[in-house]
């Protein structure tokens, strides 16, 4: 399952995986390009963001100029810690601060992402600073697409690796890649009003 919340500073995302059978591919981390091929690992996740929320109406096939794909994987040793991050797809830099557009290397280093082992699997705790979401407007009323895919690998009875994946696409069984039209839409809204006995919400608090 997953949860998302936002504030003026960025977007928080938690993705929880329940799976008793984890397969580690430790040798993959020593291969050339391993840091950009996170999808090869069990429990790796892909997060897709359609910043304009126009995937359903766009005539462009595949990604538009306003779409992101971020990949995440647990640390190379498979334990809890700083998750690996890679931006597989970025928006047109003219929509995102032009010459100051974040490099892939900056994204890999500065997007906040932790992986935590749990009793029945693992959990990613991610925070996207607004810099890594441009041109998404972080304000109540904004609409954006949010696609999530979890990679799953298991060992079959013969020892071979069996691949599967789980996504939140609006068409069951479909992969998120290059398909903004089937990423669910999220509406950024204010938090529900608190009771009169509670203090008022500050401008910097997270909103669901």
N, C-alpha and C. Protein backbone atom coordinates (compact mmCIF):
# COMPACT_ATOMS: atom_id res chain seq x y z
N UNK A 1 0.82 -1.18 0.00
CA UNK A 1 0.00 0.00 0.00
C UNK A 1 0.88 1.25 0.00
N UNK A 2 0.27 2.39 -0.19
CA UNK A 2 1.03 3.64 -0.19
C UNK A 2 0.17 4.79 0.33
N UNK A 3 0.88 5.81 0.82
CA UNK A 3 0.25 7.04 1.28
C UNK A 3 1.05 8.22 0.76
N UNK A 4 0.37 9.30 0.47
CA UNK A 4 1.04 10.52 0.02
C UNK A 4 0.50 11.71 0.79
N UNK A 5 1.37 12.67 1.07
CA UNK A 5 0.98 13.91 1.73
C UNK A 5 1.84 15.03 1.18
N UNK A 6 1.36 16.26 1.27
CA UNK A 6 2.11 17.37 0.70
C UNK A 6 2.12 18.56 1.65
N UNK A 7 3.09 19.42 1.41
CA UNK A 7 3.15 20.71 2.08
C UNK A 7 3.79 21.67 1.10
N UNK A 8 4.01 22.89 1.51
CA UNK A 8 4.59 23.87 0.60
C UNK A 8 6.01 23.54 0.18
N UNK A 9 6.67 22.68 0.95
CA UNK A 9 8.06 22.34 0.66
C UNK A 9 8.22 21.14 -0.27
N UNK A 10 7.19 20.29 -0.37
CA UNK A 10 7.35 19.12 -1.22
C UNK A 10 6.28 18.08 -1.01
N UNK A 11 6.57 16.87 -1.50
CA UNK A 11 5.63 15.76 -1.48
C UNK A 11 6.26 14.58 -0.75
N UNK A 12 5.55 14.05 0.25
CA UNK A 12 6.00 12.88 0.99
C UNK A 12 5.26 11.65 0.50
N UNK A 13 5.96 10.55 0.42
CA UNK A 13 5.37 9.31 -0.08
C UNK A 13 5.89 8.13 0.73
N UNK A 14 4.99 7.27 1.14
CA UNK A 14 5.38 6.02 1.80
C UNK A 14 4.81 4.86 0.99
N UNK A 15 5.66 3.91 0.69
CA UNK A 15 5.24 2.72 -0.04
C UNK A 15 5.63 1.51 0.78
N UNK A 16 4.65 0.70 1.18
CA UNK A 16 4.92 -0.46 2.02
C UNK A 16 4.75 -1.74 1.20
N UNK A 17 5.71 -2.64 1.35
CA UNK A 17 5.72 -3.89 0.60
C UNK A 17 5.61 -5.04 1.59
N UNK A 18 4.64 -5.93 1.35
CA UNK A 18 4.50 -7.15 2.14
C UNK A 18 4.89 -8.33 1.28
N UNK A 19 5.97 -8.98 1.65
CA UNK A 19 6.49 -10.09 0.85
C UNK A 19 7.44 -10.92 1.71
N UNK A 20 7.11 -12.18 2.01
CA UNK A 20 7.98 -12.99 2.85
C UNK A 20 9.17 -13.60 2.11
N UNK A 21 9.17 -13.49 0.78
CA UNK A 21 10.19 -14.16 -0.03
C UNK A 21 10.97 -13.13 -0.82
N UNK A 22 12.06 -12.66 -0.25
CA UNK A 22 12.87 -11.64 -0.91
C UNK A 22 14.09 -12.26 -1.57
N UNK A 23 14.39 -11.78 -2.76
CA UNK A 23 15.55 -12.28 -3.50
C UNK A 23 16.55 -11.14 -3.67
N UNK A 24 17.76 -11.31 -3.16
CA UNK A 24 18.80 -10.29 -3.28
C UNK A 24 19.73 -10.61 -4.45
N UNK A 25 20.05 -9.60 -5.23
CA UNK A 25 20.97 -9.75 -6.36
C UNK A 25 22.21 -8.91 -6.07
N UNK A 26 22.99 -9.33 -5.11
CA UNK A 26 24.13 -8.54 -4.65
C UNK A 26 25.16 -8.31 -5.74
N UNK A 27 25.34 -9.28 -6.63
CA UNK A 27 26.35 -9.16 -7.68
C UNK A 27 26.01 -8.04 -8.66
N UNK A 28 24.74 -7.70 -8.79
CA UNK A 28 24.33 -6.67 -9.75
C UNK A 28 24.93 -5.31 -9.40
N UNK A 29 25.20 -5.07 -8.12
CA UNK A 29 25.70 -3.75 -7.71
C UNK A 29 27.13 -3.49 -8.18
N UNK A 30 27.84 -4.53 -8.56
CA UNK A 30 29.22 -4.35 -9.03
C UNK A 30 29.30 -4.17 -10.54
N UNK A 31 28.17 -4.25 -11.21
CA UNK A 31 28.15 -4.12 -12.67
C UNK A 31 28.13 -2.66 -13.09
N UNK A 32 28.66 -2.38 -14.26
CA UNK A 32 28.67 -1.01 -14.78
C UNK A 32 27.23 -0.51 -14.96
N UNK A 33 26.98 0.70 -14.53
CA UNK A 33 25.65 1.29 -14.68
C UNK A 33 24.64 0.83 -13.65
N UNK A 34 25.09 0.14 -12.60
CA UNK A 34 24.17 -0.42 -11.61
C UNK A 34 23.31 0.65 -10.94
N UNK A 35 23.89 1.83 -10.70
CA UNK A 35 23.15 2.89 -9.99
C UNK A 35 21.97 3.43 -10.78
N UNK A 36 21.95 3.19 -12.08
CA UNK A 36 20.84 3.66 -12.91
C UNK A 36 19.93 2.52 -13.36
N UNK A 37 20.19 1.32 -12.86
CA UNK A 37 19.38 0.15 -13.25
C UNK A 37 18.75 -0.48 -12.01
N UNK A 38 18.11 0.35 -11.23
CA UNK A 38 17.54 -0.10 -9.96
C UNK A 38 16.39 -1.07 -10.15
N UNK A 39 15.74 -1.01 -11.29
CA UNK A 39 14.60 -1.87 -11.58
C UNK A 39 14.96 -3.36 -11.61
N UNK A 40 16.23 -3.67 -11.63
CA UNK A 40 16.66 -5.07 -11.66
C UNK A 40 16.50 -5.77 -10.31
N UNK A 41 16.22 -4.99 -9.25
CA UNK A 41 16.24 -5.55 -7.91
C UNK A 41 14.84 -5.83 -7.37
N UNK A 42 14.76 -6.91 -6.59
CA UNK A 42 13.52 -7.25 -5.91
C UNK A 42 13.15 -6.11 -4.96
N UNK A 43 11.87 -5.78 -4.94
CA UNK A 43 11.31 -4.71 -4.11
C UNK A 43 11.70 -3.32 -4.59
N UNK A 44 12.32 -3.21 -5.75
CA UNK A 44 12.54 -1.87 -6.32
C UNK A 44 11.18 -1.27 -6.67
N UNK A 45 11.08 0.04 -6.59
CA UNK A 45 9.83 0.69 -6.96
C UNK A 45 10.09 1.79 -7.98
N UNK A 46 9.07 2.08 -8.75
CA UNK A 46 9.10 3.17 -9.72
C UNK A 46 7.98 4.13 -9.37
N UNK A 47 8.29 5.42 -9.33
CA UNK A 47 7.30 6.45 -9.02
C UNK A 47 7.20 7.39 -10.21
N UNK A 48 6.00 7.54 -10.72
CA UNK A 48 5.74 8.36 -11.91
C UNK A 48 4.89 9.56 -11.52
N UNK A 49 5.26 10.74 -12.01
CA UNK A 49 4.52 11.95 -11.67
C UNK A 49 4.23 12.74 -12.93
N UNK A 50 2.95 12.91 -13.21
CA UNK A 50 2.49 13.73 -14.33
C UNK A 50 2.16 15.10 -13.75
N UNK A 51 3.10 16.03 -13.83
CA UNK A 51 3.01 17.28 -13.08
C UNK A 51 1.85 18.18 -13.50
N UNK A 52 1.41 18.06 -14.75
CA UNK A 52 0.27 18.84 -15.21
C UNK A 52 -1.04 18.06 -15.12
N UNK A 53 -0.96 16.77 -14.84
CA UNK A 53 -2.16 15.94 -14.75
C UNK A 53 -2.92 15.84 -16.06
N UNK A 54 -2.18 15.90 -17.17
CA UNK A 54 -2.83 15.94 -18.48
C UNK A 54 -2.66 14.65 -19.28
N UNK A 55 -2.23 13.58 -18.63
CA UNK A 55 -1.96 12.34 -19.34
C UNK A 55 -3.15 11.77 -20.09
N UNK A 56 -4.35 11.96 -19.54
CA UNK A 56 -5.55 11.40 -20.17
C UNK A 56 -5.94 12.13 -21.44
N UNK A 57 -5.59 13.39 -21.53
CA UNK A 57 -6.02 14.19 -22.68
C UNK A 57 -4.90 14.48 -23.67
N UNK A 58 -3.65 14.21 -23.27
CA UNK A 58 -2.53 14.50 -24.15
C UNK A 58 -2.54 13.63 -25.40
N UNK A 59 -2.17 14.22 -26.52
CA UNK A 59 -2.08 13.47 -27.77
C UNK A 59 -0.70 12.87 -27.98
N UNK A 60 0.20 13.15 -27.05
CA UNK A 60 1.56 12.62 -27.13
C UNK A 60 1.57 11.16 -26.67
N UNK A 61 2.19 10.30 -27.44
CA UNK A 61 2.31 8.90 -27.04
C UNK A 61 3.55 8.76 -26.15
N UNK A 62 3.40 8.07 -25.05
CA UNK A 62 4.52 7.94 -24.13
C UNK A 62 4.58 9.13 -23.19
N UNK A 63 5.80 9.44 -22.73
CA UNK A 63 5.96 10.54 -21.78
C UNK A 63 5.78 11.90 -22.45
N UNK A 64 5.20 12.83 -21.69
CA UNK A 64 5.13 14.21 -22.14
C UNK A 64 6.27 15.01 -21.55
N UNK A 65 6.35 16.28 -21.91
CA UNK A 65 7.42 17.15 -21.41
C UNK A 65 7.31 17.41 -19.91
N UNK A 66 6.18 17.03 -19.30
CA UNK A 66 5.94 17.35 -17.89
C UNK A 66 5.93 16.10 -17.00
N UNK A 67 6.49 15.00 -17.49
CA UNK A 67 6.41 13.73 -16.76
C UNK A 67 7.75 13.29 -16.17
N UNK A 68 7.68 12.74 -14.96
CA UNK A 68 8.85 12.19 -14.29
C UNK A 68 8.70 10.68 -14.09
N UNK A 69 9.85 10.01 -14.05
CA UNK A 69 9.91 8.66 -13.50
C UNK A 69 11.13 8.60 -12.57
N UNK A 70 10.87 8.29 -11.31
CA UNK A 70 11.93 8.11 -10.32
C UNK A 70 11.96 6.64 -9.89
N UNK A 71 13.16 6.06 -9.85
CA UNK A 71 13.33 4.68 -9.41
C UNK A 71 14.01 4.65 -8.05
N UNK A 72 13.63 3.66 -7.23
CA UNK A 72 14.20 3.49 -5.90
C UNK A 72 14.48 2.02 -5.64
N UNK A 73 15.54 1.76 -4.89
CA UNK A 73 15.86 0.39 -4.47
C UNK A 73 16.43 0.45 -3.06
N UNK A 74 16.34 -0.67 -2.35
CA UNK A 74 16.92 -0.73 -1.01
C UNK A 74 18.44 -0.63 -1.11
N UNK A 75 19.14 -0.35 -0.01
CA UNK A 75 20.60 -0.26 -0.05
C UNK A 75 21.21 -1.55 -0.61
N UNK A 76 22.40 -1.47 -1.19
CA UNK A 76 23.04 -2.65 -1.80
C UNK A 76 23.15 -3.85 -0.88
N UNK A 77 23.27 -3.62 0.43
CA UNK A 77 23.37 -4.76 1.35
C UNK A 77 22.00 -5.33 1.72
N UNK A 78 20.94 -4.71 1.22
CA UNK A 78 19.60 -5.22 1.47
C UNK A 78 19.03 -4.86 2.82
N UNK A 79 19.75 -4.09 3.62
CA UNK A 79 19.30 -3.75 4.96
C UNK A 79 18.64 -2.37 4.98
N UNK A 80 18.18 -1.97 6.15
CA UNK A 80 17.59 -0.64 6.30
C UNK A 80 18.66 0.42 6.10
N UNK A 81 18.26 1.56 5.53
CA UNK A 81 19.21 2.65 5.33
C UNK A 81 18.80 3.54 4.19
N UNK A 82 19.72 4.39 3.78
CA UNK A 82 19.49 5.31 2.67
C UNK A 82 19.20 4.51 1.40
N UNK A 83 18.04 4.75 0.79
CA UNK A 83 17.66 4.04 -0.43
C UNK A 83 18.43 4.60 -1.62
N UNK A 84 18.62 3.77 -2.61
CA UNK A 84 19.21 4.21 -3.88
C UNK A 84 18.13 4.93 -4.69
N UNK A 85 18.52 6.00 -5.36
CA UNK A 85 17.58 6.83 -6.13
C UNK A 85 18.15 7.08 -7.52
N UNK A 86 17.28 7.03 -8.52
CA UNK A 86 17.69 7.42 -9.86
C UNK A 86 16.51 8.02 -10.61
N UNK A 87 16.73 9.15 -11.27
CA UNK A 87 15.69 9.75 -12.10
C UNK A 87 15.82 9.17 -13.50
N UNK A 88 14.91 8.29 -13.84
CA UNK A 88 14.94 7.62 -15.13
C UNK A 88 14.36 8.50 -16.25
N UNK A 89 13.42 9.35 -15.88
CA UNK A 89 12.79 10.24 -16.85
C UNK A 89 12.57 11.59 -16.21
N UNK A 90 12.99 12.65 -16.88
CA UNK A 90 12.82 13.99 -16.35
C UNK A 90 11.93 14.84 -17.25
N UNK A 91 11.48 15.96 -16.73
CA UNK A 91 10.67 16.89 -17.52
C UNK A 91 11.58 17.74 -18.40
N UNK A 92 10.98 18.44 -19.33
CA UNK A 92 11.73 19.40 -20.14
C UNK A 92 12.30 20.47 -19.22
N UNK A 93 13.62 20.68 -19.28
CA UNK A 93 14.25 21.58 -18.32
C UNK A 93 13.75 23.01 -18.43
N UNK A 94 13.16 23.39 -19.55
CA UNK A 94 12.61 24.74 -19.67
C UNK A 94 11.38 24.92 -18.78
N UNK A 95 10.79 23.81 -18.35
CA UNK A 95 9.66 23.87 -17.43
C UNK A 95 10.11 23.82 -15.97
N UNK A 96 11.42 23.62 -15.77
CA UNK A 96 11.92 23.36 -14.42
C UNK A 96 13.22 24.10 -14.14
N UNK A 97 13.16 25.41 -14.18
CA UNK A 97 14.27 26.28 -13.78
C UNK A 97 15.39 26.35 -14.80
N UNK A 98 15.14 25.93 -16.02
CA UNK A 98 16.09 26.14 -17.10
C UNK A 98 17.49 25.62 -16.83
N UNK A 99 18.47 26.51 -16.86
CA UNK A 99 19.86 26.12 -16.68
C UNK A 99 20.15 25.58 -15.28
N UNK A 100 19.26 25.86 -14.34
CA UNK A 100 19.43 25.36 -12.97
C UNK A 100 18.71 24.03 -12.75
N UNK A 101 18.23 23.42 -13.82
CA UNK A 101 17.54 22.14 -13.75
C UNK A 101 18.43 21.10 -13.05
N UNK A 102 17.91 20.36 -12.08
CA UNK A 102 18.74 19.40 -11.34
C UNK A 102 19.34 18.32 -12.24
N UNK A 103 20.59 18.01 -12.04
CA UNK A 103 21.22 16.92 -12.78
C UNK A 103 20.79 15.58 -12.18
N UNK A 104 21.01 14.51 -12.95
CA UNK A 104 20.69 13.18 -12.44
C UNK A 104 21.50 12.87 -11.18
N UNK A 105 22.73 13.34 -11.16
CA UNK A 105 23.59 13.08 -10.01
C UNK A 105 23.08 13.80 -8.76
N UNK A 106 22.61 15.04 -8.94
CA UNK A 106 22.04 15.76 -7.80
C UNK A 106 20.82 15.05 -7.26
N UNK A 107 19.97 14.61 -8.18
CA UNK A 107 18.75 13.89 -7.78
C UNK A 107 19.10 12.65 -6.97
N UNK A 108 20.08 11.87 -7.45
CA UNK A 108 20.46 10.63 -6.78
C UNK A 108 20.97 10.89 -5.37
N UNK A 109 21.58 12.05 -5.18
CA UNK A 109 22.17 12.37 -3.88
C UNK A 109 21.21 13.04 -2.93
N UNK A 110 20.31 13.88 -3.45
CA UNK A 110 19.57 14.78 -2.58
C UNK A 110 18.08 14.49 -2.41
N UNK A 111 17.50 13.65 -3.26
CA UNK A 111 16.12 13.26 -2.98
C UNK A 111 16.14 12.40 -1.72
N UNK A 112 15.36 12.79 -0.73
CA UNK A 112 15.37 12.08 0.55
C UNK A 112 14.61 10.75 0.41
N UNK A 113 15.29 9.67 0.71
CA UNK A 113 14.67 8.35 0.58
C UNK A 113 15.30 7.37 1.55
N UNK A 114 14.49 6.81 2.41
CA UNK A 114 14.94 5.80 3.36
C UNK A 114 14.19 4.50 3.11
N UNK A 115 14.91 3.41 3.30
CA UNK A 115 14.29 2.09 3.21
C UNK A 115 14.37 1.45 4.59
N UNK A 116 13.24 0.91 5.05
CA UNK A 116 13.18 0.32 6.38
C UNK A 116 12.64 -1.10 6.28
N UNK A 117 13.39 -2.07 6.77
CA UNK A 117 12.91 -3.44 6.83
C UNK A 117 11.82 -3.54 7.89
N UNK A 118 10.76 -4.29 7.59
CA UNK A 118 9.67 -4.50 8.53
C UNK A 118 9.53 -6.01 8.77
N UNK A 119 8.65 -6.37 9.69
CA UNK A 119 8.48 -7.79 10.02
C UNK A 119 8.01 -8.61 8.82
N UNK A 120 7.23 -7.99 7.96
CA UNK A 120 6.66 -8.74 6.83
C UNK A 120 7.11 -8.22 5.47
N UNK A 121 8.15 -7.40 5.44
CA UNK A 121 8.61 -6.85 4.16
C UNK A 121 9.47 -5.63 4.35
N UNK A 122 9.12 -4.55 3.68
CA UNK A 122 9.90 -3.33 3.77
C UNK A 122 9.06 -2.11 3.44
N UNK A 123 9.59 -0.93 3.73
CA UNK A 123 8.87 0.32 3.49
C UNK A 123 9.83 1.39 2.99
N UNK A 124 9.41 2.11 1.96
CA UNK A 124 10.15 3.28 1.48
C UNK A 124 9.50 4.53 2.06
N UNK A 125 10.34 5.43 2.55
CA UNK A 125 9.89 6.71 3.07
C UNK A 125 10.61 7.80 2.27
N UNK A 126 9.88 8.44 1.41
CA UNK A 126 10.45 9.33 0.40
C UNK A 126 9.91 10.75 0.58
N UNK A 127 10.78 11.73 0.37
CA UNK A 127 10.32 13.11 0.33
C UNK A 127 10.94 13.79 -0.88
N UNK A 128 10.07 14.28 -1.76
CA UNK A 128 10.51 15.03 -2.94
C UNK A 128 10.44 16.52 -2.61
N UNK A 129 11.58 17.17 -2.52
CA UNK A 129 11.59 18.62 -2.39
C UNK A 129 10.95 19.21 -3.65
N UNK A 130 10.32 20.35 -3.51
CA UNK A 130 9.61 20.96 -4.65
C UNK A 130 10.53 21.14 -5.86
N UNK A 131 11.83 21.29 -5.61
CA UNK A 131 12.78 21.43 -6.72
C UNK A 131 12.76 20.23 -7.65
N UNK A 132 12.46 19.06 -7.11
CA UNK A 132 12.48 17.83 -7.90
C UNK A 132 11.10 17.44 -8.41
N UNK A 133 10.14 18.38 -8.25
CA UNK A 133 8.78 18.17 -8.75
C UNK A 133 8.37 19.22 -9.78
N UNK A 134 9.23 20.23 -9.98
CA UNK A 134 8.86 21.29 -10.93
C UNK A 134 8.47 20.69 -12.27
N UNK A 135 7.42 21.19 -12.89
CA UNK A 135 6.63 22.40 -12.61
C UNK A 135 5.35 22.15 -11.81
N UNK A 136 5.27 21.08 -11.06
CA UNK A 136 4.09 20.84 -10.23
C UNK A 136 3.90 21.98 -9.24
N UNK A 137 2.68 22.50 -9.17
CA UNK A 137 2.35 23.57 -8.22
C UNK A 137 1.84 22.94 -6.93
N UNK A 138 2.56 23.15 -5.85
CA UNK A 138 2.18 22.59 -4.56
C UNK A 138 1.22 23.55 -3.87
N UNK A 139 -0.03 23.43 -4.23
CA UNK A 139 -1.09 24.25 -3.64
C UNK A 139 -2.40 23.47 -3.71
N UNK A 140 -3.29 23.80 -2.81
CA UNK A 140 -4.60 23.15 -2.81
C UNK A 140 -5.29 23.36 -4.15
N UNK A 141 -5.84 22.30 -4.70
CA UNK A 141 -6.52 22.37 -5.98
C UNK A 141 -5.71 21.84 -7.15
N UNK A 142 -4.40 21.69 -6.97
CA UNK A 142 -3.56 21.15 -8.05
C UNK A 142 -3.87 19.67 -8.27
N UNK A 143 -3.80 19.26 -9.52
CA UNK A 143 -4.04 17.87 -9.90
C UNK A 143 -2.81 17.34 -10.61
N UNK A 144 -2.39 16.15 -10.25
CA UNK A 144 -1.24 15.53 -10.89
C UNK A 144 -1.45 14.02 -10.96
N UNK A 145 -0.81 13.39 -11.92
CA UNK A 145 -0.86 11.94 -12.00
C UNK A 145 0.20 11.35 -11.09
N UNK A 146 -0.12 10.22 -10.45
CA UNK A 146 0.83 9.54 -9.56
C UNK A 146 0.75 8.04 -9.82
N UNK A 147 1.74 7.54 -10.55
CA UNK A 147 1.81 6.11 -10.83
C UNK A 147 2.87 5.45 -9.96
N UNK A 148 2.59 4.26 -9.47
CA UNK A 148 3.54 3.53 -8.64
C UNK A 148 3.60 2.07 -9.09
N UNK A 149 4.80 1.56 -9.24
CA UNK A 149 4.99 0.15 -9.61
C UNK A 149 6.03 -0.47 -8.69
N UNK A 150 5.74 -1.68 -8.22
CA UNK A 150 6.64 -2.43 -7.34
C UNK A 150 7.12 -3.67 -8.08
N UNK A 151 8.43 -3.85 -8.14
CA UNK A 151 9.01 -5.05 -8.76
C UNK A 151 9.06 -6.18 -7.75
N UNK A 152 8.70 -7.37 -8.20
CA UNK A 152 8.72 -8.54 -7.33
C UNK A 152 9.35 -9.72 -8.05
N UNK A 153 10.30 -10.35 -7.38
CA UNK A 153 10.96 -11.53 -7.93
C UNK A 153 10.95 -12.64 -6.89
N UNK A 154 10.65 -13.84 -7.33
CA UNK A 154 10.63 -15.00 -6.45
C UNK A 154 11.37 -16.16 -7.11
N UNK A 155 11.81 -17.09 -6.31
CA UNK A 155 12.46 -18.29 -6.84
C UNK A 155 11.42 -19.38 -7.02
N UNK A 156 11.37 -19.92 -8.24
CA UNK A 156 10.45 -21.01 -8.51
C UNK A 156 10.96 -22.32 -7.93
N UNK A 157 10.18 -23.37 -8.07
CA UNK A 157 10.57 -24.67 -7.53
C UNK A 157 11.85 -25.19 -8.16
N UNK A 158 12.12 -24.78 -9.39
CA UNK A 158 13.33 -25.23 -10.08
C UNK A 158 14.50 -24.29 -9.84
N UNK A 159 14.31 -23.29 -8.99
CA UNK A 159 15.37 -22.35 -8.68
C UNK A 159 15.44 -21.15 -9.60
N UNK A 160 14.68 -21.17 -10.68
CA UNK A 160 14.67 -20.03 -11.60
C UNK A 160 13.92 -18.85 -11.00
N UNK A 161 14.31 -17.65 -11.41
CA UNK A 161 13.67 -16.45 -10.91
C UNK A 161 12.37 -16.18 -11.67
N UNK A 162 11.31 -16.01 -10.93
CA UNK A 162 10.00 -15.71 -11.51
C UNK A 162 9.71 -14.23 -11.25
N UNK A 163 9.43 -13.49 -12.32
CA UNK A 163 9.21 -12.05 -12.19
C UNK A 163 7.72 -11.72 -12.18
N UNK A 164 7.38 -10.74 -11.35
CA UNK A 164 6.02 -10.19 -11.33
C UNK A 164 6.13 -8.72 -10.94
N UNK A 165 5.05 -8.00 -11.08
CA UNK A 165 5.03 -6.59 -10.68
C UNK A 165 3.62 -6.21 -10.28
N UNK A 166 3.52 -5.21 -9.44
CA UNK A 166 2.23 -4.71 -8.99
C UNK A 166 2.21 -3.21 -9.21
N UNK A 167 1.16 -2.71 -9.85
CA UNK A 167 1.06 -1.27 -10.11
C UNK A 167 -0.31 -0.76 -9.68
N UNK A 168 -0.43 0.56 -9.60
CA UNK A 168 -1.70 1.18 -9.24
C UNK A 168 -2.41 1.77 -10.46
N UNK A 169 -2.04 1.32 -11.65
CA UNK A 169 -2.62 1.89 -12.87
C UNK A 169 -4.13 1.68 -12.92
N UNK A 170 -4.79 2.54 -13.66
CA UNK A 170 -6.25 2.46 -13.77
C UNK A 170 -6.69 1.31 -14.66
N UNK A 171 -5.75 0.68 -15.35
CA UNK A 171 -6.04 -0.52 -16.12
C UNK A 171 -5.28 -1.67 -15.47
N UNK A 172 -5.97 -2.52 -14.71
CA UNK A 172 -5.30 -3.59 -13.96
C UNK A 172 -4.37 -4.43 -14.83
N UNK A 173 -3.18 -4.70 -14.28
CA UNK A 173 -2.23 -5.53 -15.00
C UNK A 173 -1.31 -4.79 -15.94
N UNK A 174 -1.54 -3.49 -16.12
CA UNK A 174 -0.72 -2.70 -17.03
C UNK A 174 0.47 -2.09 -16.30
N UNK A 175 1.58 -1.95 -17.02
CA UNK A 175 2.79 -1.32 -16.49
C UNK A 175 2.63 0.19 -16.58
N UNK A 176 3.28 0.90 -15.66
CA UNK A 176 3.21 2.37 -15.66
C UNK A 176 4.06 3.02 -16.75
N UNK A 177 5.12 2.34 -17.18
CA UNK A 177 6.11 2.94 -18.07
C UNK A 177 5.48 3.51 -19.34
N UNK A 178 5.81 4.77 -19.63
CA UNK A 178 5.39 5.47 -20.84
C UNK A 178 3.88 5.47 -21.04
N UNK A 179 3.14 5.48 -19.94
CA UNK A 179 1.68 5.44 -20.04
C UNK A 179 1.01 6.40 -19.07
N UNK A 180 1.27 7.71 -19.19
CA UNK A 180 0.67 8.68 -18.26
C UNK A 180 -0.86 8.64 -18.24
N UNK A 181 -1.46 8.17 -19.31
CA UNK A 181 -2.92 8.17 -19.40
C UNK A 181 -3.56 7.23 -18.38
N UNK A 182 -2.77 6.27 -17.83
CA UNK A 182 -3.36 5.33 -16.87
C UNK A 182 -2.76 5.49 -15.47
N UNK A 183 -2.07 6.61 -15.24
CA UNK A 183 -1.62 6.91 -13.87
C UNK A 183 -2.79 7.55 -13.13
N UNK A 184 -3.14 7.06 -11.96
CA UNK A 184 -4.24 7.68 -11.21
C UNK A 184 -3.95 9.15 -10.91
N UNK A 185 -5.00 9.94 -10.87
CA UNK A 185 -4.86 11.35 -10.57
C UNK A 185 -4.96 11.58 -9.06
N UNK A 186 -4.16 12.51 -8.55
CA UNK A 186 -4.28 12.93 -7.16
C UNK A 186 -4.62 14.41 -7.12
N UNK A 187 -5.50 14.76 -6.21
CA UNK A 187 -5.91 16.15 -6.00
C UNK A 187 -5.30 16.63 -4.70
N UNK A 188 -4.50 17.68 -4.75
CA UNK A 188 -3.92 18.24 -3.54
C UNK A 188 -4.99 19.07 -2.83
N UNK A 189 -5.32 18.65 -1.63
CA UNK A 189 -6.39 19.32 -0.89
C UNK A 189 -5.92 19.70 0.50
N UNK A 190 -6.63 20.61 1.11
CA UNK A 190 -6.33 21.00 2.48
C UNK A 190 -6.71 19.85 3.41
N UNK A 191 -6.04 19.80 4.57
CA UNK A 191 -6.39 18.79 5.57
C UNK A 191 -7.81 19.06 6.08
N UNK A 192 -8.47 18.01 6.57
CA UNK A 192 -9.80 18.18 7.14
C UNK A 192 -9.71 19.08 8.37
N UNK A 193 -10.72 19.92 8.59
CA UNK A 193 -10.69 20.83 9.76
C UNK A 193 -10.57 20.05 11.06
N UNK A 194 -9.79 20.58 12.00
CA UNK A 194 -9.65 19.95 13.30
C UNK A 194 -10.80 20.38 14.21
N UNK A 195 -10.97 19.65 15.32
CA UNK A 195 -12.00 20.02 16.28
C UNK A 195 -11.62 21.34 16.94
N UNK A 196 -12.59 21.98 17.55
CA UNK A 196 -12.35 23.29 18.15
C UNK A 196 -11.35 23.23 19.29
N UNK A 197 -11.15 22.04 19.85
CA UNK A 197 -10.22 21.92 20.96
C UNK A 197 -8.78 21.79 20.51
N UNK A 198 -8.57 21.62 19.19
CA UNK A 198 -7.23 21.46 18.64
C UNK A 198 -6.69 22.79 18.17
N UNK A 199 -5.39 22.91 18.14
CA UNK A 199 -4.79 24.14 17.65
C UNK A 199 -4.95 24.21 16.13
N UNK A 200 -4.91 25.40 15.58
CA UNK A 200 -5.07 25.57 14.13
C UNK A 200 -3.85 25.05 13.42
N UNK A 201 -4.05 24.67 12.15
CA UNK A 201 -2.95 24.09 11.35
C UNK A 201 -2.02 25.17 10.87
N UNK A 202 -0.74 24.94 11.01
CA UNK A 202 0.23 25.92 10.52
C UNK A 202 0.42 25.72 9.03
N UNK A 203 0.95 26.75 8.37
CA UNK A 203 1.08 26.72 6.91
C UNK A 203 2.06 25.66 6.46
N UNK A 204 3.00 25.25 7.31
CA UNK A 204 4.02 24.32 6.90
C UNK A 204 3.69 22.86 7.14
N UNK A 205 2.53 22.54 7.72
CA UNK A 205 2.21 21.15 8.01
C UNK A 205 1.85 20.39 6.75
N UNK A 206 2.02 19.08 6.84
CA UNK A 206 1.68 18.23 5.71
C UNK A 206 0.17 18.17 5.54
N UNK A 207 -0.24 18.05 4.29
CA UNK A 207 -1.66 17.91 3.96
C UNK A 207 -1.82 16.63 3.18
N UNK A 208 -2.94 15.96 3.39
CA UNK A 208 -3.19 14.70 2.67
C UNK A 208 -3.63 15.00 1.26
